[in-house]
Amino acid sequence: MAQSKQEKIKKAVEMILEAIGEDTNREGILETPNRVATMYEEIFSGMNVDPRDYFTSSFCEEHEELILVKDIDFHSVCEHHLIPFFGKAHVAYIPQNGQVTGIGNFAKAIEAVAKRPQIQERMTTTLANAIEETLSPRGVLVVIEAEHLCMTMRGVKKPGSQTVTTAARGVFEKDSAKRAEVLSFIRR
């Protein structure tokens, strides 16, 4: 993150601390603006990363059956309250013409998309679109399950509640049996 961006974040954090009545010269708070600026550099590192870049390399394995990568942990930040949400992402696809990609690419793409302020619905759609646009599979299904701290620690205060979003493309959009098969594997 450019130095001027870090300086802006530090100043903003200092202003927030002052606004809530905190003594910004108190020993425990003194370095908080620096720590937050450093943390933001890490947790928002996906701002200018295109998840499609992770799917540009593929290889032919002559495999045209279901591939499911599930239980990929992620952390993101709700754009409405700038409070974390976290959970698991599951990605399924059916290759076309045997074109597959490395399974680690799904985790990398999820990580990149998660590291920006957003809503879960956009995260789900962004991932499905990136996979569909680059791999051109017969079908893609992305399922994201997450707990939103904006819902558990404030507002309605319902800890443990989960939000589930899906994005289906191709065969998974049209064939409910295929979609149900993937969902049954995710539940195992």
N, C-alpha and C. Protein backbone atom coordinates (compact mmCIF):
# COMPACT_ATOMS: atom_id res chain seq x y z
N MET A 1 0.87 -1.17 0.00
CA MET A 1 0.00 0.00 0.00
C MET A 1 0.90 1.23 0.00
N ALA A 2 0.61 2.19 -0.85
CA ALA A 2 1.42 3.40 -0.95
C ALA A 2 1.44 4.14 0.38
N GLN A 3 2.54 4.81 0.64
CA GLN A 3 2.71 5.52 1.90
C GLN A 3 1.57 6.51 2.13
N SER A 4 1.14 7.23 1.11
CA SER A 4 0.07 8.22 1.30
C SER A 4 -1.24 7.53 1.70
N LYS A 5 -1.50 6.34 1.20
CA LYS A 5 -2.70 5.60 1.60
C LYS A 5 -2.61 5.21 3.07
N GLN A 6 -1.45 4.75 3.48
CA GLN A 6 -1.27 4.38 4.88
C GLN A 6 -1.43 5.60 5.79
N GLU A 7 -0.90 6.72 5.37
CA GLU A 7 -1.03 7.94 6.17
C GLU A 7 -2.50 8.37 6.29
N LYS A 8 -3.25 8.23 5.21
CA LYS A 8 -4.69 8.56 5.24
C LYS A 8 -5.43 7.65 6.22
N ILE A 9 -5.10 6.38 6.19
CA ILE A 9 -5.76 5.42 7.10
C ILE A 9 -5.40 5.75 8.54
N LYS A 10 -4.13 6.01 8.80
CA LYS A 10 -3.70 6.36 10.17
C LYS A 10 -4.47 7.58 10.68
N LYS A 11 -4.56 8.60 9.85
CA LYS A 11 -5.26 9.83 10.24
C LYS A 11 -6.74 9.54 10.50
N ALA A 12 -7.35 8.75 9.62
CA ALA A 12 -8.77 8.42 9.79
C ALA A 12 -9.01 7.63 11.07
N VAL A 13 -8.15 6.68 11.37
CA VAL A 13 -8.29 5.88 12.59
C VAL A 13 -8.14 6.78 13.81
N GLU A 14 -7.17 7.66 13.76
CA GLU A 14 -6.97 8.60 14.87
C GLU A 14 -8.23 9.45 15.08
N MET A 15 -8.83 9.89 13.99
CA MET A 15 -10.06 10.70 14.08
C MET A 15 -11.22 9.89 14.65
N ILE A 16 -11.32 8.62 14.28
CA ILE A 16 -12.38 7.76 14.83
C ILE A 16 -12.16 7.59 16.33
N LEU A 17 -10.95 7.32 16.73
CA LEU A 17 -10.66 7.15 18.16
C LEU A 17 -11.00 8.41 18.95
N GLU A 18 -10.65 9.55 18.39
CA GLU A 18 -11.00 10.82 19.05
C GLU A 18 -12.51 10.99 19.12
N ALA A 19 -13.21 10.64 18.04
CA ALA A 19 -14.67 10.82 17.97
C ALA A 19 -15.41 9.96 18.99
N ILE A 20 -14.88 8.78 19.32
CA ILE A 20 -15.55 7.94 20.31
C ILE A 20 -15.14 8.29 21.73
N GLY A 21 -14.25 9.28 21.85
CA GLY A 21 -13.85 9.74 23.18
C GLY A 21 -12.59 9.10 23.73
N GLU A 22 -11.83 8.45 22.90
CA GLU A 22 -10.61 7.78 23.34
C GLU A 22 -9.45 8.77 23.36
N ASP A 23 -8.54 8.56 24.29
CA ASP A 23 -7.33 9.36 24.38
C ASP A 23 -6.30 8.77 23.43
N THR A 24 -6.04 9.46 22.33
CA THR A 24 -5.13 8.92 21.31
C THR A 24 -3.68 8.92 21.75
N ASN A 25 -3.39 9.52 22.89
CA ASN A 25 -2.02 9.51 23.43
C ASN A 25 -1.84 8.46 24.52
N ARG A 26 -2.90 7.71 24.81
CA ARG A 26 -2.82 6.65 25.82
C ARG A 26 -1.90 5.54 25.30
N GLU A 27 -1.12 4.96 26.19
CA GLU A 27 -0.11 3.97 25.79
C GLU A 27 -0.68 2.83 24.94
N GLY A 28 -1.81 2.26 25.34
CA GLY A 28 -2.38 1.13 24.61
C GLY A 28 -2.96 1.51 23.25
N ILE A 29 -3.23 2.79 23.04
CA ILE A 29 -3.86 3.27 21.80
C ILE A 29 -2.85 3.94 20.87
N LEU A 30 -1.74 4.35 21.40
CA LEU A 30 -0.77 5.16 20.67
C LEU A 30 -0.40 4.57 19.30
N GLU A 31 -0.19 3.28 19.21
CA GLU A 31 0.22 2.64 17.96
C GLU A 31 -0.95 2.05 17.16
N THR A 32 -2.16 2.21 17.68
CA THR A 32 -3.33 1.63 16.99
C THR A 32 -3.48 2.13 15.55
N PRO A 33 -3.35 3.42 15.26
CA PRO A 33 -3.47 3.85 13.86
C PRO A 33 -2.46 3.15 12.94
N ASN A 34 -1.23 2.95 13.41
CA ASN A 34 -0.23 2.23 12.60
C ASN A 34 -0.61 0.78 12.41
N ARG A 35 -1.07 0.14 13.49
CA ARG A 35 -1.46 -1.28 13.40
C ARG A 35 -2.64 -1.47 12.44
N VAL A 36 -3.61 -0.57 12.52
CA VAL A 36 -4.78 -0.69 11.63
C VAL A 36 -4.37 -0.47 10.18
N ALA A 37 -3.51 0.50 9.91
CA ALA A 37 -3.05 0.74 8.54
C ALA A 37 -2.33 -0.49 7.98
N THR A 38 -1.49 -1.10 8.80
CA THR A 38 -0.78 -2.31 8.37
C THR A 38 -1.76 -3.46 8.14
N MET A 39 -2.73 -3.60 9.05
CA MET A 39 -3.73 -4.66 8.91
C MET A 39 -4.56 -4.45 7.63
N TYR A 40 -4.96 -3.21 7.36
CA TYR A 40 -5.76 -2.94 6.17
C TYR A 40 -4.99 -3.28 4.89
N GLU A 41 -3.69 -3.05 4.91
CA GLU A 41 -2.89 -3.43 3.74
C GLU A 41 -3.03 -4.92 3.46
N GLU A 42 -3.05 -5.71 4.51
CA GLU A 42 -3.18 -7.16 4.37
C GLU A 42 -4.61 -7.59 4.02
N ILE A 43 -5.59 -7.12 4.77
CA ILE A 43 -6.95 -7.64 4.58
C ILE A 43 -7.65 -7.08 3.34
N PHE A 44 -7.10 -6.01 2.76
CA PHE A 44 -7.67 -5.47 1.53
C PHE A 44 -6.72 -5.63 0.34
N SER A 45 -5.83 -6.61 0.41
CA SER A 45 -4.82 -6.81 -0.63
C SER A 45 -5.40 -7.34 -1.95
N GLY A 46 -6.66 -7.70 -1.96
CA GLY A 46 -7.28 -8.19 -3.19
C GLY A 46 -7.97 -7.11 -4.01
N MET A 47 -7.83 -5.86 -3.60
CA MET A 47 -8.54 -4.76 -4.26
C MET A 47 -8.29 -4.71 -5.76
N ASN A 48 -7.07 -4.91 -6.18
CA ASN A 48 -6.75 -4.79 -7.60
C ASN A 48 -6.32 -6.11 -8.22
N VAL A 49 -6.83 -7.20 -7.65
CA VAL A 49 -6.49 -8.53 -8.16
C VAL A 49 -7.71 -9.07 -8.92
N ASP A 50 -7.47 -9.55 -10.13
CA ASP A 50 -8.53 -10.14 -10.94
C ASP A 50 -8.53 -11.65 -10.71
N PRO A 51 -9.61 -12.21 -10.14
CA PRO A 51 -9.61 -13.65 -9.87
C PRO A 51 -9.49 -14.50 -11.13
N ARG A 52 -9.82 -13.96 -12.28
CA ARG A 52 -9.68 -14.72 -13.53
C ARG A 52 -8.22 -15.08 -13.81
N ASP A 53 -7.30 -14.27 -13.28
CA ASP A 53 -5.88 -14.54 -13.50
C ASP A 53 -5.45 -15.91 -12.97
N TYR A 54 -6.16 -16.42 -11.98
CA TYR A 54 -5.79 -17.71 -11.40
C TYR A 54 -6.23 -18.90 -12.26
N PHE A 55 -7.04 -18.64 -13.26
CA PHE A 55 -7.56 -19.73 -14.09
C PHE A 55 -7.06 -19.68 -15.52
N THR A 56 -6.04 -18.87 -15.78
CA THR A 56 -5.54 -18.75 -17.15
C THR A 56 -4.72 -19.95 -17.57
N SER A 57 -4.17 -20.69 -16.59
CA SER A 57 -3.44 -21.90 -16.98
C SER A 57 -4.32 -23.11 -16.71
N SER A 58 -4.48 -23.88 -17.74
CA SER A 58 -5.25 -25.12 -17.63
C SER A 58 -4.52 -26.19 -18.43
N PHE A 59 -4.93 -27.42 -18.23
CA PHE A 59 -4.30 -28.50 -18.96
C PHE A 59 -5.37 -29.54 -19.26
N CYS A 60 -5.09 -30.36 -20.26
CA CYS A 60 -6.06 -31.35 -20.70
C CYS A 60 -5.81 -32.67 -19.98
N GLU A 61 -6.83 -33.12 -19.27
CA GLU A 61 -6.76 -34.39 -18.56
C GLU A 61 -7.84 -35.35 -19.05
N GLU A 62 -8.61 -34.91 -20.00
CA GLU A 62 -9.70 -35.74 -20.52
C GLU A 62 -10.63 -36.18 -19.41
N HIS A 63 -10.82 -35.29 -18.45
CA HIS A 63 -11.74 -35.54 -17.33
C HIS A 63 -12.92 -34.60 -17.49
N GLU A 64 -14.11 -35.16 -17.62
CA GLU A 64 -15.30 -34.33 -17.82
C GLU A 64 -16.39 -34.66 -16.82
N GLU A 65 -15.97 -35.06 -15.63
CA GLU A 65 -16.89 -35.34 -14.54
C GLU A 65 -16.71 -34.26 -13.47
N LEU A 66 -17.55 -34.32 -12.48
CA LEU A 66 -17.57 -33.33 -11.42
C LEU A 66 -16.23 -33.21 -10.69
N ILE A 67 -15.82 -31.96 -10.46
CA ILE A 67 -14.68 -31.65 -9.60
C ILE A 67 -15.22 -30.68 -8.55
N LEU A 68 -15.04 -31.04 -7.29
CA LEU A 68 -15.53 -30.21 -6.18
C LEU A 68 -14.39 -29.95 -5.22
N VAL A 69 -14.14 -28.67 -4.96
CA VAL A 69 -13.19 -28.26 -3.93
C VAL A 69 -14.05 -27.60 -2.86
N LYS A 70 -14.07 -28.20 -1.67
CA LYS A 70 -14.99 -27.69 -0.65
C LYS A 70 -14.27 -27.31 0.63
N ASP A 71 -15.01 -26.60 1.46
CA ASP A 71 -14.53 -26.19 2.78
C ASP A 71 -13.28 -25.32 2.72
N ILE A 72 -13.27 -24.37 1.80
CA ILE A 72 -12.15 -23.43 1.68
C ILE A 72 -12.46 -22.26 2.62
N ASP A 73 -11.71 -22.16 3.70
CA ASP A 73 -11.92 -21.09 4.67
C ASP A 73 -11.56 -19.73 4.06
N PHE A 74 -12.31 -18.71 4.45
CA PHE A 74 -12.00 -17.35 4.02
C PHE A 74 -12.45 -16.36 5.09
N HIS A 75 -11.90 -15.16 5.02
CA HIS A 75 -12.31 -14.02 5.83
C HIS A 75 -12.47 -12.85 4.88
N SER A 76 -13.52 -12.07 5.05
CA SER A 76 -13.72 -10.88 4.23
C SER A 76 -14.26 -9.77 5.13
N VAL A 77 -14.59 -8.64 4.50
CA VAL A 77 -15.08 -7.49 5.25
C VAL A 77 -16.34 -6.97 4.58
N CYS A 78 -17.41 -6.87 5.37
CA CYS A 78 -18.68 -6.34 4.88
C CYS A 78 -18.52 -4.87 4.51
N GLU A 79 -18.90 -4.52 3.32
CA GLU A 79 -18.76 -3.14 2.87
C GLU A 79 -19.74 -2.18 3.54
N HIS A 80 -20.78 -2.71 4.15
CA HIS A 80 -21.77 -1.85 4.79
C HIS A 80 -21.33 -1.34 6.16
N HIS A 81 -20.59 -2.18 6.92
CA HIS A 81 -20.21 -1.80 8.28
C HIS A 81 -18.70 -1.89 8.53
N LEU A 82 -17.96 -2.38 7.53
CA LEU A 82 -16.52 -2.62 7.67
C LEU A 82 -16.21 -3.52 8.86
N ILE A 83 -17.05 -4.54 9.00
CA ILE A 83 -16.88 -5.57 10.02
C ILE A 83 -16.70 -6.90 9.27
N PRO A 84 -15.87 -7.80 9.80
CA PRO A 84 -15.61 -9.06 9.10
C PRO A 84 -16.83 -9.97 8.93
N PHE A 85 -16.78 -10.74 7.87
CA PHE A 85 -17.60 -11.94 7.75
C PHE A 85 -16.65 -13.05 7.33
N PHE A 86 -16.97 -14.28 7.69
CA PHE A 86 -16.05 -15.37 7.46
C PHE A 86 -16.83 -16.66 7.30
N GLY A 87 -16.21 -17.62 6.65
CA GLY A 87 -16.88 -18.89 6.47
C GLY A 87 -16.12 -19.81 5.56
N LYS A 88 -16.91 -20.57 4.79
CA LYS A 88 -16.35 -21.56 3.88
C LYS A 88 -16.94 -21.37 2.48
N ALA A 89 -16.09 -21.58 1.50
CA ALA A 89 -16.52 -21.53 0.11
C ALA A 89 -16.37 -22.93 -0.48
N HIS A 90 -17.29 -23.27 -1.36
CA HIS A 90 -17.27 -24.55 -2.05
C HIS A 90 -17.41 -24.25 -3.55
N VAL A 91 -16.55 -24.85 -4.35
CA VAL A 91 -16.56 -24.60 -5.79
C VAL A 91 -16.62 -25.93 -6.53
N ALA A 92 -17.61 -26.05 -7.40
CA ALA A 92 -17.74 -27.26 -8.22
C ALA A 92 -17.75 -26.84 -9.69
N TYR A 93 -17.15 -27.67 -10.51
CA TYR A 93 -17.24 -27.44 -11.95
C TYR A 93 -17.14 -28.75 -12.69
N ILE A 94 -17.68 -28.74 -13.89
CA ILE A 94 -17.57 -29.89 -14.78
C ILE A 94 -16.80 -29.41 -16.00
N PRO A 95 -15.58 -29.91 -16.18
CA PRO A 95 -14.76 -29.45 -17.30
C PRO A 95 -15.40 -29.77 -18.65
N GLN A 96 -15.01 -28.97 -19.61
CA GLN A 96 -15.45 -29.20 -20.99
C GLN A 96 -14.19 -29.45 -21.82
N ASN A 97 -14.25 -30.41 -22.69
CA ASN A 97 -13.11 -30.78 -23.53
C ASN A 97 -11.89 -31.15 -22.69
N GLY A 98 -12.13 -31.68 -21.48
CA GLY A 98 -11.05 -32.16 -20.63
C GLY A 98 -10.19 -31.08 -20.00
N GLN A 99 -10.55 -29.82 -20.15
CA GLN A 99 -9.72 -28.73 -19.63
C GLN A 99 -9.94 -28.53 -18.14
N VAL A 100 -8.90 -28.80 -17.34
CA VAL A 100 -8.95 -28.64 -15.90
C VAL A 100 -7.86 -27.65 -15.48
N THR A 101 -7.96 -27.20 -14.26
CA THR A 101 -6.94 -26.31 -13.69
C THR A 101 -6.53 -26.86 -12.34
N GLY A 102 -5.44 -26.38 -11.82
CA GLY A 102 -4.97 -26.84 -10.52
C GLY A 102 -5.97 -26.48 -9.43
N ILE A 103 -6.22 -27.41 -8.51
CA ILE A 103 -7.25 -27.16 -7.50
C ILE A 103 -6.86 -26.04 -6.54
N GLY A 104 -5.57 -25.79 -6.36
CA GLY A 104 -5.13 -24.69 -5.51
C GLY A 104 -5.54 -23.33 -6.05
N ASN A 105 -5.79 -23.27 -7.37
CA ASN A 105 -6.19 -22.00 -7.98
C ASN A 105 -7.53 -21.51 -7.42
N PHE A 106 -8.39 -22.44 -7.02
CA PHE A 106 -9.69 -22.03 -6.47
C PHE A 106 -9.49 -21.33 -5.13
N ALA A 107 -8.62 -21.87 -4.29
CA ALA A 107 -8.34 -21.24 -3.00
C ALA A 107 -7.70 -19.87 -3.20
N LYS A 108 -6.78 -19.76 -4.16
CA LYS A 108 -6.13 -18.47 -4.44
C LYS A 108 -7.15 -17.43 -4.92
N ALA A 109 -8.05 -17.84 -5.80
CA ALA A 109 -9.06 -16.91 -6.32
C ALA A 109 -10.01 -16.47 -5.21
N ILE A 110 -10.41 -17.41 -4.37
CA ILE A 110 -11.30 -17.07 -3.25
C ILE A 110 -10.61 -16.09 -2.32
N GLU A 111 -9.35 -16.34 -2.02
CA GLU A 111 -8.59 -15.44 -1.16
C GLU A 111 -8.52 -14.04 -1.75
N ALA A 112 -8.26 -13.95 -3.04
CA ALA A 112 -8.16 -12.64 -3.69
C ALA A 112 -9.49 -11.89 -3.63
N VAL A 113 -10.57 -12.59 -3.93
CA VAL A 113 -11.88 -11.94 -3.93
C VAL A 113 -12.30 -11.57 -2.51
N ALA A 114 -11.94 -12.39 -1.55
CA ALA A 114 -12.33 -12.11 -0.16
C ALA A 114 -11.61 -10.89 0.40
N LYS A 115 -10.45 -10.56 -0.12
CA LYS A 115 -9.66 -9.47 0.45
C LYS A 115 -10.02 -8.12 -0.18
N ARG A 116 -11.28 -7.76 -0.01
CA ARG A 116 -11.78 -6.45 -0.43
C ARG A 116 -13.11 -6.20 0.27
N PRO A 117 -13.49 -4.96 0.47
CA PRO A 117 -14.81 -4.73 1.08
C PRO A 117 -15.89 -5.15 0.08
N GLN A 118 -16.92 -5.85 0.57
CA GLN A 118 -17.93 -6.37 -0.34
C GLN A 118 -19.11 -6.95 0.39
N ILE A 119 -20.01 -7.50 -0.39
CA ILE A 119 -21.11 -8.28 0.16
C ILE A 119 -20.94 -9.72 -0.32
N GLN A 120 -21.47 -10.64 0.44
CA GLN A 120 -21.30 -12.06 0.14
C GLN A 120 -21.89 -12.42 -1.22
N GLU A 121 -23.00 -11.82 -1.57
CA GLU A 121 -23.63 -12.12 -2.85
C GLU A 121 -22.70 -11.80 -4.02
N ARG A 122 -22.03 -10.65 -3.95
CA ARG A 122 -21.10 -10.26 -5.02
C ARG A 122 -19.90 -11.21 -5.05
N MET A 123 -19.42 -11.59 -3.89
CA MET A 123 -18.28 -12.51 -3.82
C MET A 123 -18.61 -13.82 -4.54
N THR A 124 -19.79 -14.34 -4.29
CA THR A 124 -20.23 -15.60 -4.89
C THR A 124 -20.32 -15.47 -6.41
N THR A 125 -20.95 -14.42 -6.87
CA THR A 125 -21.12 -14.18 -8.30
C THR A 125 -19.79 -13.94 -9.00
N THR A 126 -18.92 -13.15 -8.37
CA THR A 126 -17.61 -12.86 -8.95
C THR A 126 -16.81 -14.14 -9.19
N LEU A 127 -16.83 -15.02 -8.21
CA LEU A 127 -16.09 -16.28 -8.35
C LEU A 127 -16.67 -17.15 -9.47
N ALA A 128 -17.99 -17.30 -9.49
CA ALA A 128 -18.62 -18.12 -10.52
C ALA A 128 -18.34 -17.56 -11.91
N ASN A 129 -18.44 -16.25 -12.05
CA ASN A 129 -18.19 -15.63 -13.35
C ASN A 129 -16.74 -15.80 -13.79
N ALA A 130 -15.80 -15.64 -12.86
CA ALA A 130 -14.38 -15.78 -13.20
C ALA A 130 -14.08 -17.18 -13.71
N ILE A 131 -14.64 -18.19 -13.05
CA ILE A 131 -14.40 -19.58 -13.46
C ILE A 131 -15.05 -19.85 -14.82
N GLU A 132 -16.28 -19.39 -14.97
CA GLU A 132 -16.99 -19.62 -16.23
C GLU A 132 -16.29 -18.92 -17.40
N GLU A 133 -15.86 -17.69 -17.19
CA GLU A 133 -15.25 -16.92 -18.28
C GLU A 133 -13.89 -17.44 -18.71
N THR A 134 -13.14 -18.02 -17.79
CA THR A 134 -11.78 -18.45 -18.13
C THR A 134 -11.67 -19.93 -18.49
N LEU A 135 -12.41 -20.79 -17.80
CA LEU A 135 -12.30 -22.23 -18.05
C LEU A 135 -13.34 -22.75 -19.03
N SER A 136 -14.41 -21.99 -19.24
CA SER A 136 -15.52 -22.41 -20.12
C SER A 136 -15.99 -23.83 -19.82
N PRO A 137 -16.26 -24.14 -18.56
CA PRO A 137 -16.70 -25.49 -18.20
C PRO A 137 -18.16 -25.72 -18.62
N ARG A 138 -18.58 -26.98 -18.53
CA ARG A 138 -19.98 -27.31 -18.80
C ARG A 138 -20.88 -26.73 -17.71
N GLY A 139 -20.33 -26.56 -16.52
CA GLY A 139 -21.10 -25.98 -15.42
C GLY A 139 -20.21 -25.55 -14.27
N VAL A 140 -20.68 -24.55 -13.53
CA VAL A 140 -19.98 -24.05 -12.34
C VAL A 140 -21.02 -23.85 -11.25
N LEU A 141 -20.69 -24.23 -10.04
CA LEU A 141 -21.54 -23.95 -8.89
C LEU A 141 -20.64 -23.47 -7.75
N VAL A 142 -20.93 -22.28 -7.25
CA VAL A 142 -20.20 -21.73 -6.11
C VAL A 142 -21.21 -21.58 -4.97
N VAL A 143 -20.85 -22.11 -3.81
CA VAL A 143 -21.67 -22.00 -2.61
C VAL A 143 -20.80 -21.39 -1.52
N ILE A 144 -21.30 -20.33 -0.91
CA ILE A 144 -20.56 -19.70 0.19
C ILE A 144 -21.46 -19.66 1.42
N GLU A 145 -20.90 -20.14 2.53
CA GLU A 145 -21.59 -20.11 3.83
C GLU A 145 -20.76 -19.22 4.73
N ALA A 146 -21.41 -18.21 5.34
CA ALA A 146 -20.63 -17.28 6.16
C ALA A 146 -21.42 -16.76 7.35
N GLU A 147 -20.66 -16.42 8.38
CA GLU A 147 -21.20 -15.72 9.53
C GLU A 147 -20.75 -14.28 9.43
N HIS A 148 -21.70 -13.37 9.58
CA HIS A 148 -21.43 -11.94 9.45
C HIS A 148 -21.45 -11.29 10.83
N LEU A 149 -20.32 -10.72 11.23
CA LEU A 149 -20.26 -10.09 12.53
C LEU A 149 -21.18 -8.87 12.62
N CYS A 150 -21.53 -8.28 11.48
CA CYS A 150 -22.48 -7.15 11.52
C CYS A 150 -23.87 -7.63 11.94
N MET A 151 -24.09 -8.93 11.87
CA MET A 151 -25.36 -9.49 12.30
C MET A 151 -25.25 -10.19 13.66
N THR A 152 -24.06 -10.57 14.05
CA THR A 152 -23.92 -11.32 15.30
C THR A 152 -23.49 -10.45 16.48
N MET A 153 -22.72 -9.39 16.24
CA MET A 153 -22.26 -8.58 17.37
C MET A 153 -22.94 -7.23 17.46
N ARG A 154 -23.77 -6.89 16.49
CA ARG A 154 -24.53 -5.64 16.51
C ARG A 154 -25.89 -5.90 15.86
N GLY A 155 -26.70 -4.90 15.75
CA GLY A 155 -27.98 -5.06 15.08
C GLY A 155 -28.84 -6.11 15.73
N VAL A 156 -29.19 -7.16 14.98
CA VAL A 156 -30.09 -8.20 15.49
C VAL A 156 -29.42 -9.13 16.49
N LYS A 157 -28.10 -9.12 16.56
CA LYS A 157 -27.33 -9.91 17.54
C LYS A 157 -27.74 -11.38 17.57
N LYS A 158 -27.50 -12.06 16.47
CA LYS A 158 -27.81 -13.49 16.35
C LYS A 158 -26.54 -14.28 16.06
N PRO A 159 -25.70 -14.51 17.09
CA PRO A 159 -24.46 -15.26 16.90
C PRO A 159 -24.74 -16.66 16.34
N GLY A 160 -23.83 -17.09 15.47
CA GLY A 160 -23.94 -18.42 14.89
C GLY A 160 -24.82 -18.50 13.66
N SER A 161 -25.55 -17.44 13.37
CA SER A 161 -26.40 -17.49 12.17
C SER A 161 -25.51 -17.51 10.92
N GLN A 162 -25.95 -18.25 9.93
CA GLN A 162 -25.19 -18.42 8.69
C GLN A 162 -25.99 -17.88 7.51
N THR A 163 -25.28 -17.26 6.60
CA THR A 163 -25.87 -16.84 5.33
C THR A 163 -25.27 -17.73 4.25
N VAL A 164 -26.12 -18.28 3.41
CA VAL A 164 -25.66 -19.15 2.33
C VAL A 164 -26.06 -18.51 1.01
N THR A 165 -25.07 -18.37 0.12
CA THR A 165 -25.34 -17.84 -1.22
C THR A 165 -24.83 -18.84 -2.24
N THR A 166 -25.48 -18.86 -3.39
CA THR A 166 -25.06 -19.74 -4.47
C THR A 166 -25.04 -18.97 -5.79
N ALA A 167 -24.21 -19.45 -6.69
CA ALA A 167 -24.20 -18.96 -8.06
C ALA A 167 -24.02 -20.18 -8.95
N ALA A 168 -25.00 -20.44 -9.78
CA ALA A 168 -24.97 -21.61 -10.67
C ALA A 168 -24.88 -21.15 -12.11
N ARG A 169 -24.04 -21.82 -12.86
CA ARG A 169 -23.86 -21.52 -14.28
C ARG A 169 -23.93 -22.83 -15.06
N GLY A 170 -24.34 -22.73 -16.31
CA GLY A 170 -24.34 -23.89 -17.20
C GLY A 170 -25.24 -25.00 -16.71
N VAL A 171 -24.71 -26.23 -16.71
CA VAL A 171 -25.50 -27.41 -16.37
C VAL A 171 -26.07 -27.32 -14.95
N PHE A 172 -25.37 -26.69 -14.03
CA PHE A 172 -25.86 -26.58 -12.65
C PHE A 172 -27.04 -25.61 -12.54
N GLU A 173 -27.12 -24.69 -13.46
CA GLU A 173 -28.26 -23.77 -13.50
C GLU A 173 -29.50 -24.45 -14.07
N LYS A 174 -29.28 -25.33 -15.03
CA LYS A 174 -30.40 -25.95 -15.75
C LYS A 174 -30.85 -27.30 -15.19
N ASP A 175 -29.92 -28.03 -14.57
CA ASP A 175 -30.20 -29.40 -14.14
C ASP A 175 -30.22 -29.48 -12.61
N SER A 176 -31.42 -29.53 -12.04
CA SER A 176 -31.55 -29.53 -10.58
C SER A 176 -30.95 -30.80 -9.96
N ALA A 177 -30.94 -31.91 -10.67
CA ALA A 177 -30.35 -33.15 -10.14
C ALA A 177 -28.83 -33.00 -10.00
N LYS A 178 -28.20 -32.39 -10.99
CA LYS A 178 -26.75 -32.15 -10.92
C LYS A 178 -26.43 -31.21 -9.75
N ARG A 179 -27.24 -30.16 -9.62
CA ARG A 179 -27.04 -29.21 -8.52
C ARG A 179 -27.22 -29.92 -7.16
N ALA A 180 -28.25 -30.74 -7.05
CA ALA A 180 -28.51 -31.48 -5.80
C ALA A 180 -27.37 -32.44 -5.47
N GLU A 181 -26.76 -33.04 -6.50
CA GLU A 181 -25.63 -33.94 -6.27
C GLU A 181 -24.49 -33.19 -5.59
N VAL A 182 -24.16 -32.01 -6.09
CA VAL A 182 -23.07 -31.22 -5.51
C VAL A 182 -23.42 -30.82 -4.08
N LEU A 183 -24.64 -30.36 -3.87
CA LEU A 183 -25.06 -29.94 -2.52
C LEU A 183 -24.99 -31.09 -1.53
N SER A 184 -25.28 -32.31 -2.00
CA SER A 184 -25.19 -33.47 -1.09
C SER A 184 -23.72 -33.75 -0.73
N PHE A 185 -22.80 -33.56 -1.67
CA PHE A 185 -21.37 -33.74 -1.37
C PHE A 185 -20.88 -32.68 -0.39
N ILE A 186 -21.37 -31.46 -0.53
CA ILE A 186 -20.96 -30.38 0.37
C ILE A 186 -21.42 -30.66 1.79
N ARG A 187 -22.60 -31.21 1.95
CA ARG A 187 -23.16 -31.48 3.29
C ARG A 187 -22.45 -32.62 4.02
N ARG A 188 -21.71 -33.45 3.32
CA ARG A 188 -21.04 -34.61 3.95
C ARG A 188 -19.97 -34.18 4.91
